[in-house]
Amino acid sequence: MFRTNKAHPWHGVPIGDGVPAEVTVFIEIVPSDTVKYEVDKETGYLKIDRPQQYSNVVPANYGFIPQTYCAERIADLAREGSDISVSGGDGDPLDILVLSEHHIPRGDIILKARPIGGFCLIDGGEADDKIIAVLKGDKVFEQYTQISQLPKGILERFEHYFLTYKSLPDAPNICEIAYSYGREQSYHVIEAAIGDYADMVRK
């Protein structure tokens, strides 16, 4: 059997049988993009969100895990790990960045990745976790199984991007990293986002 119409990348693409150790990822933007694209929730097509701000470049292939959602379960995890006030989840699919030695020329693709950790980002009071993963089968990055094993420069690049990617001159920064976590906690975050998605579709 085959499809005669395009599957919605958020709702129509399976997350994969190996979840949470291995997940399907829909990539929206890649490091060479000078415009931030994101999936239009209604149609499933990529749309332009905004030009990349100043010299900010996304530090890895950036997208989301299908059939996930960031709501109260994700917010509860953020509250458990931080004293920062969290109003809720950000209401989007769970974000993920995928490291690979290979140049992927564009977004709008799906791939398989293995989570190794993540960051609990609070964006304007909302929990907006960023899972860090490696491309399945990548001969350079598959050696890393924990975020703590990554070179310091890569981690600093992630942190700088998250803390500045929405910054504007003469405006307060609305993003802060509450904490980072390793592979096992990333599994809990993914499972929470799957639960939030199930709650959403039942409503």
Protein backbone atom coordinates (compact mmCIF):
# COMPACT_ATOMS: atom_id res chain seq x y z
CA MET A 1 0.00 0.00 0.00
CA PHE A 2 1.09 3.58 -0.58
CA ARG A 3 -0.23 7.02 0.18
CA THR A 4 -1.87 9.17 -2.45
CA ASN A 5 -1.63 12.28 -0.27
CA LYS A 6 1.13 13.79 1.85
CA ALA A 7 1.11 12.75 5.50
CA HIS A 8 1.03 15.60 8.00
CA PRO A 9 4.54 15.49 9.54
CA TRP A 10 3.24 16.09 13.07
CA HIS A 11 0.22 13.77 13.09
CA GLY A 12 0.71 11.40 10.17
CA VAL A 13 4.34 10.27 10.55
CA PRO A 14 4.89 7.37 12.99
CA ILE A 15 7.23 8.10 15.86
CA GLY A 16 8.89 4.68 15.39
CA ASP A 17 8.90 1.32 17.15
CA GLY A 18 12.15 1.98 19.03
CA VAL A 19 10.92 5.00 21.00
CA PRO A 20 12.34 6.48 23.24
CA ALA A 21 15.81 5.07 22.48
CA GLU A 22 15.30 5.69 18.76
CA VAL A 23 12.86 8.21 17.29
CA THR A 24 11.68 9.45 13.96
CA VAL A 25 12.48 13.12 13.45
CA PHE A 26 11.03 15.63 11.01
CA ILE A 27 13.74 18.18 10.17
CA GLU A 28 12.53 21.73 9.56
CA ILE A 29 15.80 23.69 9.34
CA VAL A 30 19.49 22.92 8.83
CA PRO A 31 22.60 24.95 9.79
CA SER A 32 22.92 26.48 6.32
CA ASP A 33 19.44 28.05 6.44
CA THR A 34 19.28 31.82 6.83
CA VAL A 35 15.52 31.69 7.35
CA LYS A 36 13.76 29.85 10.17
CA TYR A 37 11.18 27.47 8.76
CA GLU A 38 8.57 25.64 10.78
CA VAL A 39 5.69 23.34 9.98
CA ASP A 40 2.35 25.03 9.54
CA LYS A 41 0.11 23.20 12.03
CA GLU A 42 -2.96 23.33 9.81
CA THR A 43 -1.55 22.22 6.45
CA GLY A 44 1.65 20.37 7.37
CA TYR A 45 3.72 22.36 4.89
CA LEU A 46 6.84 24.27 5.83
CA LYS A 47 6.34 27.98 6.25
CA ILE A 48 8.70 30.88 6.91
CA ASP A 49 8.63 31.80 10.57
CA ARG A 50 11.24 34.56 10.49
CA PRO A 51 14.70 35.37 9.14
CA GLN A 52 17.46 34.12 11.42
CA GLN A 53 18.30 36.90 13.85
CA TYR A 54 21.68 38.55 13.25
CA SER A 55 24.54 36.02 13.12
CA ASN A 56 22.64 33.22 14.86
CA VAL A 57 22.95 29.91 13.05
CA VAL A 58 21.12 26.80 14.21
CA PRO A 59 23.89 24.52 15.58
CA ALA A 60 22.49 21.23 14.27
CA ASN A 61 19.67 19.84 12.17
CA TYR A 62 16.55 21.11 13.95
CA GLY A 63 13.06 19.73 13.96
CA PHE A 64 10.57 17.84 16.08
CA ILE A 65 9.47 14.36 17.09
CA PRO A 66 6.12 13.49 15.47
CA GLN A 67 3.11 12.67 17.66
CA THR A 68 4.50 14.54 20.65
CA TYR A 69 3.22 17.69 22.37
CA CYS A 70 4.51 19.93 25.14
CA ALA A 71 1.79 20.59 27.70
CA GLU A 72 1.27 19.82 31.40
CA ARG A 73 3.39 16.67 31.65
CA ILE A 74 6.36 18.50 30.14
CA ALA A 75 5.69 21.49 32.39
CA ASP A 76 5.57 19.23 35.45
CA LEU A 77 9.02 17.81 34.63
CA ALA A 78 10.39 21.34 34.32
CA ARG A 79 8.85 22.30 37.67
CA GLU A 80 10.34 19.23 39.34
CA GLY A 81 13.85 20.07 38.18
CA SER A 82 13.88 23.84 38.64
CA ASP A 83 12.72 26.67 40.87
CA ILE A 84 11.80 28.75 37.82
CA SER A 85 8.10 29.55 37.51
CA VAL A 86 6.59 27.52 34.64
CA SER A 87 3.12 28.35 33.37
CA GLY A 88 2.81 25.28 31.12
CA GLY A 89 4.25 23.66 28.03
CA ASP A 90 4.81 25.71 24.90
CA GLY A 91 2.00 24.00 22.96
CA ASP A 92 4.23 22.65 20.18
CA PRO A 93 5.68 19.26 19.28
CA LEU A 94 8.85 18.30 21.18
CA ASP A 95 11.89 19.95 19.60
CA ILE A 96 15.00 17.94 18.78
CA LEU A 97 18.44 18.74 17.34
CA VAL A 98 20.29 16.01 15.49
CA LEU A 99 24.07 15.95 15.17
CA SER A 100 25.67 14.45 12.08
CA GLU A 101 28.98 14.67 10.25
CA HIS A 102 27.04 14.77 6.99
CA HIS A 103 25.83 17.94 5.34
CA ILE A 104 22.06 17.71 5.00
CA PRO A 105 21.24 20.39 2.42
CA ARG A 106 17.65 21.18 3.40
CA GLY A 107 14.81 20.51 5.77
CA ASP A 108 11.44 18.86 5.03
CA ILE A 109 12.88 15.38 5.53
CA ILE A 110 12.48 12.58 8.07
CA LEU A 111 15.31 10.64 9.66
CA LYS A 112 16.05 8.28 12.55
CA ALA A 113 17.94 9.58 15.57
CA ARG A 114 19.11 8.38 18.97
CA PRO A 115 18.58 10.81 21.89
CA ILE A 116 21.57 11.41 24.17
CA GLY A 117 20.25 14.19 26.43
CA GLY A 118 18.69 17.61 26.30
CA PHE A 119 18.08 21.03 27.76
CA CYS A 120 15.09 22.22 29.75
CA LEU A 121 14.56 25.61 28.15
CA ILE A 122 12.06 28.03 29.65
CA ASP A 123 10.79 30.41 26.98
CA GLY A 124 8.65 33.23 28.31
CA GLY A 125 7.64 31.07 31.27
CA GLU A 126 6.77 28.03 29.13
CA ALA A 127 8.64 24.70 29.13
CA ASP A 128 10.23 24.24 25.71
CA ASP A 129 12.57 21.26 26.01
CA LYS A 130 15.26 20.65 23.39
CA ILE A 131 16.28 17.03 22.93
CA ILE A 132 19.83 16.47 21.66
CA ALA A 133 20.34 13.41 19.47
CA VAL A 134 22.73 11.80 16.99
CA LEU A 135 21.84 10.58 13.52
CA LYS A 136 21.39 6.81 13.49
CA GLY A 137 24.36 5.19 11.78
CA ASP A 138 26.51 8.34 11.75
CA LYS A 139 30.11 7.11 11.95
CA VAL A 140 31.39 10.20 13.78
CA PHE A 141 28.58 11.04 16.19
CA GLU A 142 27.21 7.56 16.94
CA GLN A 143 30.06 7.11 19.45
CA TYR A 144 28.34 9.61 21.75
CA THR A 145 25.69 8.04 23.95
CA GLN A 146 25.46 10.81 26.57
CA ILE A 147 25.32 14.57 26.11
CA SER A 148 28.16 14.89 28.65
CA GLN A 149 30.49 13.11 26.20
CA LEU A 150 30.14 15.81 23.55
CA PRO A 151 33.06 18.21 23.05
CA LYS A 152 32.74 21.32 25.22
CA GLY A 153 32.57 23.57 22.17
CA ILE A 154 29.46 21.82 20.84
CA LEU A 155 27.67 22.16 24.17
CA GLU A 156 28.59 25.84 24.40
CA ARG A 157 27.26 26.38 20.88
CA PHE A 158 23.92 24.82 21.82
CA GLU A 159 23.66 26.88 24.99
CA HIS A 160 24.53 30.14 23.21
CA TYR A 161 21.99 29.50 20.47
CA PHE A 162 19.14 28.74 22.87
CA LEU A 163 19.90 31.76 25.02
CA THR A 164 20.12 34.22 22.12
CA TYR A 165 18.00 32.96 19.22
CA LYS A 166 15.05 35.16 20.19
CA SER A 167 17.03 38.10 21.55
CA LEU A 168 16.45 41.56 20.14
CA PRO A 169 18.34 44.79 20.84
CA ASP A 170 17.05 46.74 23.84
CA ALA A 171 14.65 43.93 24.77
CA PRO A 172 14.89 41.54 27.71
CA ASN A 173 15.91 37.97 26.98
CA ILE A 174 12.90 35.70 27.45
CA CYS A 175 14.77 32.36 27.29
CA GLU A 176 16.72 30.65 30.03
CA ILE A 177 18.13 27.16 30.42
CA ALA A 178 16.81 25.70 33.66
CA TYR A 179 19.08 22.65 33.48
CA SER A 180 20.55 20.07 31.14
CA TYR A 181 20.05 16.32 31.38
CA GLY A 182 21.40 13.03 30.08
CA ARG A 183 20.02 10.22 27.97
CA GLU A 184 17.77 8.58 30.58
CA GLN A 185 16.05 11.85 31.45
CA SER A 186 15.61 12.60 27.73
CA TYR A 187 13.65 9.34 27.54
CA HIS A 188 11.36 10.57 30.34
CA VAL A 189 10.85 13.88 28.51
CA ILE A 190 9.97 12.08 25.27
CA GLU A 191 7.53 9.78 27.06
CA ALA A 192 5.92 12.79 28.78
CA ALA A 193 5.50 14.52 25.41
CA ILE A 194 3.92 11.38 23.98
CA GLY A 195 1.51 11.43 26.92
CA ASP A 196 0.72 15.11 26.36
CA TYR A 197 0.01 14.34 22.70
CA ALA A 198 -2.35 11.51 23.65
CA ASP A 199 -4.16 13.86 26.04
CA MET A 200 -4.47 16.48 23.30
CA VAL A 201 -5.95 14.17 20.65
CA ARG A 202 -8.46 12.77 23.15
CA LYS A 203 -9.92 16.23 23.80
